[in-house]
Amino acid sequence: MTKLETRESEGNPNFEIRIRVLCAALIASAIGVAVAHATGTPRSPTVRVVVESGFWLRPAGMIVVAEIPAHSPLGRLSKNALGNGKRVQVVAEAGRRPVPCLVRFDTRGRLEKVAFRLAADLAPLSEAHYWVAPRAKAGPVADFAWPETDVNLFRTRNGGFEQGGETPRGWSLFRGRLSTEQPYSGNRCVQLDTNKQDRRGAMLTSEIFTLRPNACYTLRVRARGRKEGRDGWLFSVGLNFLDETKKPVAGKPSRLHFAQRKLGRAWRTFAHSESTPGQTRFGRLNISIYKAQGTLWVDEIELLEPVSARRPPPAVRVD
């Protein structure tokens, strides 16, 4: 230790504490790397993908697509850093086995989506976990083509809220507004707010759009939030099925929905698949804060219709 360092340590009682903390951090990092090598868990930055089967058997080899969050460390990596996609790996958590994969990049050259084959059969009402991570060297080339793109009904209906003035085109807002505070993608998202003084809730509602009867659809919504108190649901989503008179279908007018009592500040992707009733001709989407106090941010809404499958695809979410 130099004289200068000696004087600093003698004059500053916190110097030894800082050194100990630094050493502990270095040791913990070394242990983490050793554990990763021992267990086969990919090293950071990683993204964990959860594939849910729903009510159907999903056979081994089936191709699924996962969307990489734009704000995640992995989503920020460039095409060059990932060897034009050749240095991306997908590892099945069960058995720690790598599986073939393909990648796609967005217009900025950042990692956007990963397609891969299921490593094993996925039984009904079950889920499988996979890890997406960079690799040091180029991996094997996948033996399949990128799957056909599902039809996104909200691609032309301003699902990312980029078009329009104070109110996004194609949508109506009740106690909501457009926000530029950390959108999931693009430059804008929607912000809904509620407080103690007004318990009427807040809602984002789409225009009425056409749906096919007895057809499978998958709804994807990106959301994050901040809740106050325990009451109510901060995030409630319902897709209303409407008949030819544009009235709710009798029986189960809103079968495609999900809700969360609270959300974190990081963006999450929520997805659910369902078939429309036989009387369905139209649909309308409602997203709301229900009997809760707080702030909800929503962005990048998709309603996907599979191009070649009668049953809904497995739900794929990224934790």
C-alpha atoms as a PDB file:
ATOM      1  CA  MET A   1       0.000   0.000   0.000  1.00  0.00           C
ATOM      2  CA  THR A   2       1.420   3.457  -0.898  1.00  0.00           C
ATOM      3  CA  LYS A   3       1.869   6.272   1.607  1.00  0.00           C
ATOM      4  CA  LEU A   4      -1.068   8.132   0.078  1.00  0.00           C
ATOM      5  CA  GLU A   5      -3.311   5.084   0.446  1.00  0.00           C
ATOM      6  CA  THR A   6      -2.038   4.564   4.016  1.00  0.00           C
ATOM      7  CA  ARG A   7      -2.928   8.129   4.981  1.00  0.00           C
ATOM      8  CA  GLU A   8      -6.371   7.768   3.386  1.00  0.00           C
ATOM      9  CA  SER A   9      -7.101   4.541   5.260  1.00  0.00           C
ATOM     10  CA  GLU A  10      -5.901   6.017   8.552  1.00  0.00           C
ATOM     11  CA  GLY A  11      -7.985   9.164   8.099  1.00  0.00           C
ATOM     12  CA  ASN A  12     -11.127   7.449   6.872  1.00  0.00           C
ATOM     13  CA  PRO A  13     -12.679   4.764   9.127  1.00  0.00           C
ATOM     14  CA  ASN A  14     -14.950   3.627   6.267  1.00  0.00           C
ATOM     15  CA  PHE A  15     -12.028   2.700   4.018  1.00  0.00           C
ATOM     16  CA  GLU A  16     -11.634  -0.815   5.426  1.00  0.00           C
ATOM     17  CA  ILE A  17     -15.398  -1.386   5.206  1.00  0.00           C
ATOM     18  CA  ARG A  18     -15.400  -0.423   1.513  1.00  0.00           C
ATOM     19  CA  ILE A  19     -12.540  -2.817   0.830  1.00  0.00           C
ATOM     20  CA  ARG A  20     -14.389  -5.657   2.571  1.00  0.00           C
ATOM     21  CA  VAL A  21     -17.586  -4.968   0.609  1.00  0.00           C
ATOM     22  CA  LEU A  22     -15.647  -4.920  -2.661  1.00  0.00           C
ATOM     23  CA  CYS A  23     -13.950  -8.221  -1.851  1.00  0.00           C
ATOM     24  CA  ALA A  24     -17.276  -9.809  -0.913  1.00  0.00           C
ATOM     25  CA  ALA A  25     -18.805  -8.673  -4.210  1.00  0.00           C
ATOM     26  CA  LEU A  26     -15.911 -10.140  -6.193  1.00  0.00           C
ATOM     27  CA  ILE A  27     -16.174 -13.446  -4.343  1.00  0.00           C
ATOM     28  CA  ALA A  28     -19.952 -13.599  -4.900  1.00  0.00           C
ATOM     29  CA  SER A  29     -19.463 -12.918  -8.603  1.00  0.00           C
ATOM     30  CA  ALA A  30     -16.890 -15.711  -8.872  1.00  0.00           C
ATOM     31  CA  ILE A  31     -19.229 -18.110  -7.073  1.00  0.00           C
ATOM     32  CA  GLY A  32     -22.081 -17.152  -9.416  1.00  0.00           C
ATOM     33  CA  VAL A  33     -19.974 -17.909 -12.477  1.00  0.00           C
ATOM     34  CA  ALA A  34     -18.891 -21.248 -10.972  1.00  0.00           C
ATOM     35  CA  VAL A  35     -22.498 -22.197 -10.233  1.00  0.00           C
ATOM     36  CA  ALA A  36     -23.572 -21.240 -13.751  1.00  0.00           C
ATOM     37  CA  HIS A  37     -20.914 -23.524 -15.225  1.00  0.00           C
ATOM     38  CA  ALA A  38     -21.799 -26.335 -12.833  1.00  0.00           C
ATOM     39  CA  THR A  39     -25.559 -26.224 -13.400  1.00  0.00           C
ATOM     40  CA  GLY A  40     -25.588 -25.345 -17.085  1.00  0.00           C
ATOM     41  CA  THR A  41     -27.615 -22.159 -16.529  1.00  0.00           C
ATOM     42  CA  PRO A  42     -26.697 -19.646 -19.270  1.00  0.00           C
ATOM     43  CA  ARG A  43     -24.669 -16.671 -18.098  1.00  0.00           C
ATOM     44  CA  SER A  44     -26.108 -13.192 -18.092  1.00  0.00           C
ATOM     45  CA  PRO A  45     -27.628 -11.324 -19.782  1.00  0.00           C
ATOM     46  CA  THR A  46     -30.377 -13.925 -19.985  1.00  0.00           C
ATOM     47  CA  VAL A  47     -34.125 -13.963 -20.555  1.00  0.00           C
ATOM     48  CA  ARG A  48     -36.352 -16.671 -19.102  1.00  0.00           C
ATOM     49  CA  VAL A  49     -39.128 -17.870 -21.413  1.00  0.00           C
ATOM     50  CA  VAL A  50     -42.203 -19.718 -20.119  1.00  0.00           C
ATOM     51  CA  VAL A  51     -44.259 -21.763 -22.612  1.00  0.00           C
ATOM     52  CA  GLU A  52     -47.779 -22.662 -21.420  1.00  0.00           C
ATOM     53  CA  SER A  53     -49.604 -25.505 -23.191  1.00  0.00           C
ATOM     54  CA  GLY A  54     -53.179 -24.466 -22.418  1.00  0.00           C
ATOM     55  CA  PHE A  55     -55.702 -27.291 -22.902  1.00  0.00           C
ATOM     56  CA  TRP A  56     -53.758 -29.096 -25.640  1.00  0.00           C
ATOM     57  CA  LEU A  57     -50.742 -31.353 -25.953  1.00  0.00           C
ATOM     58  CA  ARG A  58     -47.838 -29.499 -27.562  1.00  0.00           C
ATOM     59  CA  PRO A  59     -45.522 -32.028 -29.250  1.00  0.00           C
ATOM     60  CA  ALA A  60     -41.736 -31.974 -29.084  1.00  0.00           C
ATOM     61  CA  GLY A  61     -40.324 -30.118 -32.077  1.00  0.00           C
ATOM     62  CA  MET A  62     -43.191 -27.636 -32.236  1.00  0.00           C
ATOM     63  CA  ILE A  63     -41.907 -24.151 -33.092  1.00  0.00           C
ATOM     64  CA  VAL A  64     -42.719 -21.319 -30.685  1.00  0.00           C
ATOM     65  CA  VAL A  65     -41.731 -17.657 -30.810  1.00  0.00           C
ATOM     66  CA  ALA A  66     -40.658 -15.531 -27.831  1.00  0.00           C
ATOM     67  CA  GLU A  67     -40.443 -11.755 -27.898  1.00  0.00           C
ATOM     68  CA  ILE A  68     -37.388 -10.290 -26.171  1.00  0.00           C
ATOM     69  CA  PRO A  69     -38.254  -7.189 -24.068  1.00  0.00           C
ATOM     70  CA  ALA A  70     -36.727  -4.111 -25.699  1.00  0.00           C
ATOM     71  CA  HIS A  71     -35.580  -2.680 -22.356  1.00  0.00           C
ATOM     72  CA  SER A  72     -33.901  -5.879 -21.129  1.00  0.00           C
ATOM     73  CA  PRO A  73     -30.089  -6.164 -21.230  1.00  0.00           C
ATOM     74  CA  LEU A  74     -30.408  -8.930 -23.828  1.00  0.00           C
ATOM     75  CA  GLY A  75     -32.812  -6.848 -25.927  1.00  0.00           C
ATOM     76  CA  ARG A  76     -30.246  -4.038 -26.069  1.00  0.00           C
ATOM     77  CA  LEU A  77     -27.567  -6.197 -27.693  1.00  0.00           C
ATOM     78  CA  SER A  78     -26.844  -5.404 -31.332  1.00  0.00           C
ATOM     79  CA  LYS A  79     -26.765  -7.673 -34.348  1.00  0.00           C
ATOM     80  CA  ASN A  80     -22.957  -7.339 -34.495  1.00  0.00           C
ATOM     81  CA  ALA A  81     -22.544  -8.226 -30.817  1.00  0.00           C
ATOM     82  CA  LEU A  82     -24.569 -11.395 -31.405  1.00  0.00           C
ATOM     83  CA  GLY A  83     -22.739 -12.461 -34.555  1.00  0.00           C
ATOM     84  CA  ASN A  84     -25.701 -11.652 -36.799  1.00  0.00           C
ATOM     85  CA  GLY A  85     -27.776 -14.013 -34.669  1.00  0.00           C
ATOM     86  CA  LYS A  86     -25.363 -16.945 -34.727  1.00  0.00           C
ATOM     87  CA  ARG A  87     -24.229 -16.322 -31.142  1.00  0.00           C
ATOM     88  CA  VAL A  88     -27.668 -16.672 -29.542  1.00  0.00           C
ATOM     89  CA  GLN A  89     -28.594 -19.853 -27.703  1.00  0.00           C
ATOM     90  CA  VAL A  90     -31.793 -21.274 -26.237  1.00  0.00           C
ATOM     91  CA  VAL A  91     -31.441 -23.803 -23.437  1.00  0.00           C
ATOM     92  CA  ALA A  92     -34.238 -25.988 -22.051  1.00  0.00           C
ATOM     93  CA  GLU A  93     -34.280 -25.720 -18.279  1.00  0.00           C
ATOM     94  CA  ALA A  94     -35.250 -29.393 -18.005  1.00  0.00           C
ATOM     95  CA  GLY A  95     -32.078 -31.325 -18.743  1.00  0.00           C
ATOM     96  CA  ARG A  96     -30.093 -28.163 -19.571  1.00  0.00           C
ATOM     97  CA  ARG A  97     -30.256 -29.038 -23.264  1.00  0.00           C
ATOM     98  CA  PRO A  98     -29.650 -26.496 -26.040  1.00  0.00           C
ATOM     99  CA  VAL A  99     -32.378 -26.404 -28.686  1.00  0.00           C
ATOM    100  CA  PRO A 100     -32.205 -25.108 -32.300  1.00  0.00           C
ATOM    101  CA  CYS A 101     -33.243 -21.484 -32.674  1.00  0.00           C
ATOM    102  CA  LEU A 102     -33.621 -18.622 -35.137  1.00  0.00           C
ATOM    103  CA  VAL A 103     -33.576 -14.915 -34.300  1.00  0.00           C
ATOM    104  CA  ARG A 104     -34.967 -11.699 -35.696  1.00  0.00           C
ATOM    105  CA  PHE A 105     -33.777  -8.138 -35.145  1.00  0.00           C
ATOM    106  CA  ASP A 106     -35.782  -4.905 -35.128  1.00  0.00           C
ATOM    107  CA  THR A 107     -35.172  -1.925 -37.407  1.00  0.00           C
ATOM    108  CA  ARG A 108     -32.423  -0.648 -35.083  1.00  0.00           C
ATOM    109  CA  GLY A 109     -30.539  -3.933 -35.242  1.00  0.00           C
ATOM    110  CA  ARG A 110     -31.512  -5.019 -31.700  1.00  0.00           C
ATOM    111  CA  LEU A 111     -32.587  -8.540 -30.774  1.00  0.00           C
ATOM    112  CA  GLU A 112     -36.409  -8.685 -31.037  1.00  0.00           C
ATOM    113  CA  LYS A 113     -37.662 -12.294 -31.335  1.00  0.00           C
ATOM    114  CA  VAL A 114     -36.375 -15.840 -30.967  1.00  0.00           C
ATOM    115  CA  ALA A 115     -38.015 -18.914 -32.532  1.00  0.00           C
ATOM    116  CA  PHE A 116     -37.128 -22.374 -31.215  1.00  0.00           C
ATOM    117  CA  ARG A 117     -38.379 -25.964 -31.089  1.00  0.00           C
ATOM    118  CA  LEU A 118     -39.845 -27.476 -27.946  1.00  0.00           C
ATOM    119  CA  ALA A 119     -37.326 -29.899 -26.468  1.00  0.00           C
ATOM    120  CA  ALA A 120     -40.005 -32.344 -25.228  1.00  0.00           C
ATOM    121  CA  ASP A 121     -43.748 -32.947 -25.288  1.00  0.00           C
ATOM    122  CA  LEU A 122     -45.671 -30.393 -23.240  1.00  0.00           C
ATOM    123  CA  ALA A 123     -48.701 -31.968 -21.565  1.00  0.00           C
ATOM    124  CA  PRO A 124     -52.036 -30.129 -21.333  1.00  0.00           C
ATOM    125  CA  LEU A 125     -52.252 -27.576 -18.525  1.00  0.00           C
ATOM    126  CA  SER A 126     -48.506 -27.506 -18.000  1.00  0.00           C
ATOM    127  CA  GLU A 127     -45.563 -25.247 -18.737  1.00  0.00           C
ATOM    128  CA  ALA A 128     -41.899 -25.511 -19.748  1.00  0.00           C
ATOM    129  CA  HIS A 129     -39.053 -23.093 -19.087  1.00  0.00           C
ATOM    130  CA  TYR A 130     -36.265 -22.032 -21.436  1.00  0.00           C
ATOM    131  CA  TRP A 131     -33.356 -19.600 -21.239  1.00  0.00           C
ATOM    132  CA  VAL A 132     -32.263 -17.268 -24.042  1.00  0.00           C
ATOM    133  CA  ALA A 133     -28.698 -15.982 -23.767  1.00  0.00           C
ATOM    134  CA  PRO A 134     -25.644 -14.995 -25.816  1.00  0.00           C
ATOM    135  CA  ARG A 135     -22.931 -17.544 -26.450  1.00  0.00           C
ATOM    136  CA  ALA A 136     -19.189 -17.127 -26.944  1.00  0.00           C
ATOM    137  CA  LYS A 137     -19.034 -18.890 -30.322  1.00  0.00           C
ATOM    138  CA  ALA A 138     -21.435 -19.379 -33.209  1.00  0.00           C
ATOM    139  CA  GLY A 139     -23.826 -22.273 -32.674  1.00  0.00           C
ATOM    140  CA  PRO A 140     -25.371 -24.807 -35.072  1.00  0.00           C
ATOM    141  CA  VAL A 141     -27.742 -23.610 -37.770  1.00  0.00           C
ATOM    142  CA  ALA A 142     -31.426 -24.305 -37.057  1.00  0.00           C
ATOM    143  CA  ASP A 143     -33.089 -26.927 -39.269  1.00  0.00           C
ATOM    144  CA  PHE A 144     -36.343 -25.004 -39.783  1.00  0.00           C
ATOM    145  CA  ALA A 145     -37.604 -21.807 -41.395  1.00  0.00           C
ATOM    146  CA  TRP A 146     -39.122 -18.902 -39.499  1.00  0.00           C
ATOM    147  CA  PRO A 147     -42.766 -19.789 -38.765  1.00  0.00           C
ATOM    148  CA  GLU A 148     -45.528 -18.095 -40.692  1.00  0.00           C
ATOM    149  CA  THR A 149     -46.486 -14.749 -39.232  1.00  0.00           C
ATOM    150  CA  ASP A 150     -49.824 -14.599 -37.471  1.00  0.00           C
ATOM    151  CA  VAL A 151     -52.225 -11.884 -38.576  1.00  0.00           C
ATOM    152  CA  ASN A 152     -52.130  -9.038 -36.024  1.00  0.00           C
ATOM    153  CA  LEU A 153     -55.481  -7.259 -36.170  1.00  0.00           C
ATOM    154  CA  PHE A 154     -54.111  -4.303 -34.218  1.00  0.00           C
ATOM    155  CA  ARG A 155     -51.205  -3.654 -36.582  1.00  0.00           C
ATOM    156  CA  THR A 156     -53.498  -1.315 -38.529  1.00  0.00           C
ATOM    157  CA  ARG A 157     -55.483  -0.248 -35.454  1.00  0.00           C
ATOM    158  CA  ASN A 158     -52.774   1.697 -33.658  1.00  0.00           C
ATOM    159  CA  GLY A 159     -51.941  -0.977 -31.089  1.00  0.00           C
ATOM    160  CA  GLY A 160     -48.791   0.952 -30.117  1.00  0.00           C
ATOM    161  CA  PHE A 161     -50.608   4.324 -29.736  1.00  0.00           C
ATOM    162  CA  GLU A 162     -48.170   6.135 -32.025  1.00  0.00           C
ATOM    163  CA  GLN A 163     -50.869   7.732 -34.200  1.00  0.00           C
ATOM    164  CA  GLY A 164     -53.304  10.493 -33.261  1.00  0.00           C
ATOM    165  CA  GLY A 165     -53.243  13.599 -31.101  1.00  0.00           C
ATOM    166  CA  GLU A 166     -54.035  13.785 -27.386  1.00  0.00           C
ATOM    167  CA  THR A 167     -56.266  10.727 -27.817  1.00  0.00           C
ATOM    168  CA  PRO A 168     -54.713   7.848 -29.802  1.00  0.00           C
ATOM    169  CA  ARG A 169     -56.456   7.075 -33.083  1.00  0.00           C
ATOM    170  CA  GLY A 170     -58.921   4.175 -32.788  1.00  0.00           C
ATOM    171  CA  TRP A 171     -59.183   4.368 -28.983  1.00  0.00           C
ATOM    172  CA  SER A 172     -61.153   6.205 -26.301  1.00  0.00           C
ATOM    173  CA  LEU A 173     -59.829   7.084 -22.847  1.00  0.00           C
ATOM    174  CA  PHE A 174     -61.591   7.581 -19.517  1.00  0.00           C
ATOM    175  CA  ARG A 175     -59.276   9.095 -16.927  1.00  0.00           C
ATOM    176  CA  GLY A 176     -56.285   8.296 -19.096  1.00  0.00           C
ATOM    177  CA  ARG A 177     -53.736  10.046 -21.280  1.00  0.00           C
ATOM    178  CA  LEU A 178     -50.818   9.444 -23.598  1.00  0.00           C
ATOM    179  CA  SER A 179     -47.417   9.204 -21.929  1.00  0.00           C
ATOM    180  CA  THR A 180     -43.815   9.325 -23.129  1.00  0.00           C
ATOM    181  CA  GLU A 181     -42.505   7.901 -19.838  1.00  0.00           C
ATOM    182  CA  GLN A 182     -40.499   4.797 -20.765  1.00  0.00           C
ATOM    183  CA  PRO A 183     -42.825   3.253 -23.391  1.00  0.00           C
ATOM    184  CA  TYR A 184     -42.411  -0.447 -24.175  1.00  0.00           C
ATOM    185  CA  SER A 185     -41.633   0.449 -27.789  1.00  0.00           C
ATOM    186  CA  GLY A 186     -41.905   3.516 -29.986  1.00  0.00           C
ATOM    187  CA  ASN A 187     -42.398   6.946 -28.418  1.00  0.00           C
ATOM    188  CA  ARG A 188     -45.747   6.703 -26.617  1.00  0.00           C
ATOM    189  CA  CYS A 189     -47.829   4.498 -24.346  1.00  0.00           C
ATOM    190  CA  VAL A 190     -51.143   4.959 -22.514  1.00  0.00           C
ATOM    191  CA  GLN A 191     -51.294   5.893 -18.833  1.00  0.00           C
ATOM    192  CA  LEU A 192     -54.408   5.309 -16.663  1.00  0.00           C
ATOM    193  CA  ASP A 193     -54.729   6.863 -13.185  1.00  0.00           C
ATOM    194  CA  THR A 194     -57.081   6.505 -10.202  1.00  0.00           C
ATOM    195  CA  ASN A 195     -57.039   7.982  -6.673  1.00  0.00           C
ATOM    196  CA  LYS A 196     -58.924   8.007  -3.369  1.00  0.00           C
ATOM    197  CA  GLN A 197     -61.118  10.942  -4.330  1.00  0.00           C
ATOM    198  CA  ASP A 198     -62.597   9.242  -7.395  1.00  0.00           C
ATOM    199  CA  ARG A 199     -63.316   5.497  -7.349  1.00  0.00           C
ATOM    200  CA  ARG A 200     -64.938   5.330 -10.787  1.00  0.00           C
ATOM    201  CA  GLY A 201     -61.895   3.572 -12.199  1.00  0.00           C
ATOM    202  CA  ALA A 202     -60.087   4.299 -15.460  1.00  0.00           C
ATOM    203  CA  MET A 203     -60.486   2.647 -18.862  1.00  0.00           C
ATOM    204  CA  LEU A 204     -58.974   2.311 -22.324  1.00  0.00           C
ATOM    205  CA  THR A 205     -61.472   1.107 -24.969  1.00  0.00           C
ATOM    206  CA  SER A 206     -60.907   0.225 -28.616  1.00  0.00           C
ATOM    207  CA  GLU A 207     -63.186   0.900 -31.542  1.00  0.00           C
ATOM    208  CA  ILE A 208     -65.350  -2.037 -32.654  1.00  0.00           C
ATOM    209  CA  PHE A 209     -63.542  -4.336 -35.113  1.00  0.00           C
ATOM    210  CA  THR A 210     -64.404  -7.451 -37.103  1.00  0.00           C
ATOM    211  CA  LEU A 211     -63.885 -10.960 -35.687  1.00  0.00           C
ATOM    212  CA  ARG A 212     -64.590 -14.356 -37.229  1.00  0.00           C
ATOM    213  CA  PRO A 213     -66.884 -16.862 -35.503  1.00  0.00           C
ATOM    214  CA  ASN A 214     -65.341 -20.103 -34.168  1.00  0.00           C
ATOM    215  CA  ALA A 215     -61.846 -18.725 -34.760  1.00  0.00           C
ATOM    216  CA  CYS A 216     -58.816 -18.823 -32.467  1.00  0.00           C
ATOM    217  CA  TYR A 217     -57.275 -15.554 -31.310  1.00  0.00           C
ATOM    218  CA  THR A 218     -54.362 -14.709 -29.039  1.00  0.00           C
ATOM    219  CA  LEU A 219     -54.356 -11.396 -27.175  1.00  0.00           C
ATOM    220  CA  ARG A 220     -51.042  -9.895 -26.066  1.00  0.00           C
ATOM    221  CA  VAL A 221     -50.801  -6.784 -23.906  1.00  0.00           C
ATOM    222  CA  ARG A 222     -47.690  -5.142 -22.450  1.00  0.00           C
ATOM    223  CA  ALA A 223     -48.257  -3.500 -19.075  1.00  0.00           C
ATOM    224  CA  ARG A 224     -46.554  -2.157 -15.963  1.00  0.00           C
ATOM    225  CA  GLY A 225     -47.906  -0.253 -12.985  1.00  0.00           C
ATOM    226  CA  ARG A 226     -47.765   1.201  -9.516  1.00  0.00           C
ATOM    227  CA  LYS A 227     -50.524   0.348  -7.011  1.00  0.00           C
ATOM    228  CA  GLU A 228     -51.563   1.986  -3.757  1.00  0.00           C
ATOM    229  CA  GLY A 229     -53.324  -0.121  -1.144  1.00  0.00           C
ATOM    230  CA  ARG A 230     -54.644  -3.681  -1.429  1.00  0.00           C
ATOM    231  CA  ASP A 231     -58.124  -3.261  -2.904  1.00  0.00           C
ATOM    232  CA  GLY A 232     -59.146  -4.050  -6.465  1.00  0.00           C
ATOM    233  CA  TRP A 233     -57.319  -4.986  -9.633  1.00  0.00           C
ATOM    234  CA  LEU A 234     -54.762  -2.622 -11.149  1.00  0.00           C
ATOM    235  CA  PHE A 235     -54.864  -4.379 -14.526  1.00  0.00           C
ATOM    236  CA  SER A 236     -58.080  -5.843 -15.950  1.00  0.00           C
ATOM    237  CA  VAL A 237     -58.510  -6.868 -19.591  1.00  0.00           C
ATOM    238  CA  GLY A 238     -61.606  -8.085 -21.417  1.00  0.00           C
ATOM    239  CA  LEU A 239     -62.303  -8.754 -25.093  1.00  0.00           C
ATOM    240  CA  ASN A 240     -66.031  -8.369 -25.705  1.00  0.00           C
ATOM    241  CA  PHE A 241     -67.523 -10.713 -28.322  1.00  0.00           C
ATOM    242  CA  LEU A 242     -70.347  -8.955 -30.216  1.00  0.00           C
ATOM    243  CA  ASP A 243     -73.014 -10.383 -32.531  1.00  0.00           C
ATOM    244  CA  GLU A 244     -74.159  -9.046 -35.900  1.00  0.00           C
ATOM    245  CA  THR A 245     -76.151  -6.273 -34.171  1.00  0.00           C
ATOM    246  CA  LYS A 246     -72.974  -5.288 -32.275  1.00  0.00           C
ATOM    247  CA  LYS A 247     -74.494  -6.360 -28.976  1.00  0.00           C
ATOM    248  CA  PRO A 248     -72.725  -8.743 -26.546  1.00  0.00           C
ATOM    249  CA  VAL A 249     -73.012 -12.407 -27.478  1.00  0.00           C
ATOM    250  CA  ALA A 250     -75.460 -14.173 -25.179  1.00  0.00           C
ATOM    251  CA  GLY A 251     -73.955 -16.419 -22.523  1.00  0.00           C
ATOM    252  CA  LYS A 252     -70.277 -15.496 -22.407  1.00  0.00           C
ATOM    253  CA  PRO A 253     -69.769 -12.071 -23.973  1.00  0.00           C
ATOM    254  CA  SER A 254     -66.207 -11.662 -22.636  1.00  0.00           C
ATOM    255  CA  ARG A 255     -64.277 -14.945 -22.566  1.00  0.00           C
ATOM    256  CA  LEU A 256     -60.791 -13.701 -23.382  1.00  0.00           C
ATOM    257  CA  HIS A 257     -59.497 -11.847 -20.345  1.00  0.00           C
ATOM    258  CA  PHE A 258     -56.992 -11.711 -17.517  1.00  0.00           C
ATOM    259  CA  ALA A 259     -56.405  -9.520 -14.447  1.00  0.00           C
ATOM    260  CA  GLN A 260     -53.625  -8.640 -12.009  1.00  0.00           C
ATOM    261  CA  ARG A 261     -54.114  -7.120  -8.581  1.00  0.00           C
ATOM    262  CA  LYS A 262     -50.730  -5.402  -8.831  1.00  0.00           C
ATOM    263  CA  LEU A 263     -47.850  -4.903 -11.257  1.00  0.00           C
ATOM    264  CA  GLY A 264     -44.181  -3.978 -11.050  1.00  0.00           C
ATOM    265  CA  ARG A 265     -42.483  -1.011 -12.692  1.00  0.00           C
ATOM    266  CA  ALA A 266     -40.860  -3.226 -15.361  1.00  0.00           C
ATOM    267  CA  TRP A 267     -42.828  -4.097 -18.503  1.00  0.00           C
ATOM    268  CA  ARG A 268     -44.453  -7.539 -18.645  1.00  0.00           C
ATOM    269  CA  THR A 269     -46.139  -9.270 -21.569  1.00  0.00           C
ATOM    270  CA  PHE A 270     -49.510 -10.892 -20.857  1.00  0.00           C
ATOM    271  CA  ALA A 271     -51.015 -13.359 -23.351  1.00  0.00           C
ATOM    272  CA  HIS A 272     -54.124 -15.495 -23.510  1.00  0.00           C
ATOM    273  CA  SER A 273     -55.706 -17.561 -26.299  1.00  0.00           C
ATOM    274  CA  GLU A 274     -59.379 -18.323 -26.858  1.00  0.00           C
ATOM    275  CA  SER A 275     -61.890 -19.279 -29.568  1.00  0.00           C
ATOM    276  CA  THR A 276     -64.778 -16.972 -30.424  1.00  0.00           C
ATOM    277  CA  PRO A 277     -68.398 -18.152 -29.949  1.00  0.00           C
ATOM    278  CA  GLY A 278     -70.355 -19.082 -33.062  1.00  0.00           C
ATOM    279  CA  GLN A 279     -72.479 -15.900 -32.949  1.00  0.00           C
ATOM    280  CA  THR A 280     -69.447 -13.603 -32.940  1.00  0.00           C
ATOM    281  CA  ARG A 281     -69.112 -11.044 -35.734  1.00  0.00           C
ATOM    282  CA  PHE A 282     -67.347  -8.156 -34.002  1.00  0.00           C
ATOM    283  CA  GLY A 283     -65.174  -7.434 -30.984  1.00  0.00           C
ATOM    284  CA  ARG A 284     -64.151  -4.602 -28.682  1.00  0.00           C
ATOM    285  CA  LEU A 285     -61.234  -4.507 -26.222  1.00  0.00           C
ATOM    286  CA  ASN A 286     -61.430  -2.945 -22.740  1.00  0.00           C
ATOM    287  CA  ILE A 287     -58.449  -2.416 -20.435  1.00  0.00           C
ATOM    288  CA  SER A 288     -59.114  -0.862 -17.043  1.00  0.00           C
ATOM    289  CA  ILE A 289     -58.167  -0.223 -13.435  1.00  0.00           C
ATOM    290  CA  TYR A 290     -60.972  -1.872 -11.440  1.00  0.00           C
ATOM    291  CA  LYS A 291     -61.685  -0.701  -7.890  1.00  0.00           C
ATOM    292  CA  ALA A 292     -57.988  -0.017  -7.267  1.00  0.00           C
ATOM    293  CA  GLN A 293     -55.859   3.064  -6.720  1.00  0.00           C
ATOM    294  CA  GLY A 294     -52.708   3.614  -8.713  1.00  0.00           C
ATOM    295  CA  THR A 295     -51.220   4.089 -12.177  1.00  0.00           C
ATOM    296  CA  LEU A 296     -51.263   1.641 -15.084  1.00  0.00           C
ATOM    297  CA  TRP A 297     -49.156   1.927 -18.239  1.00  0.00           C
ATOM    298  CA  VAL A 298     -50.181  -0.062 -21.353  1.00  0.00           C
ATOM    299  CA  ASP A 299     -48.420  -0.440 -24.708  1.00  0.00           C
ATOM    300  CA  GLU A 300     -47.995  -2.607 -27.835  1.00  0.00           C
ATOM    301  CA  ILE A 301     -51.327  -4.444 -27.963  1.00  0.00           C
ATOM    302  CA  GLU A 302     -51.663  -7.364 -30.389  1.00  0.00           C
ATOM    303  CA  LEU A 303     -54.616  -9.558 -31.318  1.00  0.00           C
ATOM    304  CA  LEU A 304     -53.244 -12.476 -33.311  1.00  0.00           C
ATOM    305  CA  GLU A 305     -55.141 -14.845 -35.561  1.00  0.00           C
ATOM    306  CA  PRO A 306     -53.084 -17.939 -36.489  1.00  0.00           C
ATOM    307  CA  VAL A 307     -52.741 -18.290 -40.241  1.00  0.00           C
ATOM    308  CA  SER A 308     -52.754 -22.080 -40.414  1.00  0.00           C
ATOM    309  CA  ALA A 309     -53.930 -23.567 -37.101  1.00  0.00           C
ATOM    310  CA  ARG A 310     -57.406 -24.245 -35.734  1.00  0.00           C
ATOM    311  CA  ARG A 311     -56.300 -24.435 -32.137  1.00  0.00           C
ATOM    312  CA  PRO A 312     -54.685 -21.479 -30.341  1.00  0.00           C
ATOM    313  CA  PRO A 313     -50.881 -21.481 -30.175  1.00  0.00           C
ATOM    314  CA  PRO A 314     -49.224 -22.042 -26.793  1.00  0.00           C
ATOM    315  CA  ALA A 315     -48.969 -18.928 -24.669  1.00  0.00           C
ATOM    316  CA  VAL A 316     -45.385 -17.698 -24.468  1.00  0.00           C
ATOM    317  CA  ARG A 317     -44.344 -15.168 -21.830  1.00  0.00           C
ATOM    318  CA  VAL A 318     -41.014 -13.727 -20.799  1.00  0.00           C
ATOM    319  CA  ASP A 319     -40.210 -13.270 -17.097  1.00  0.00           C
END
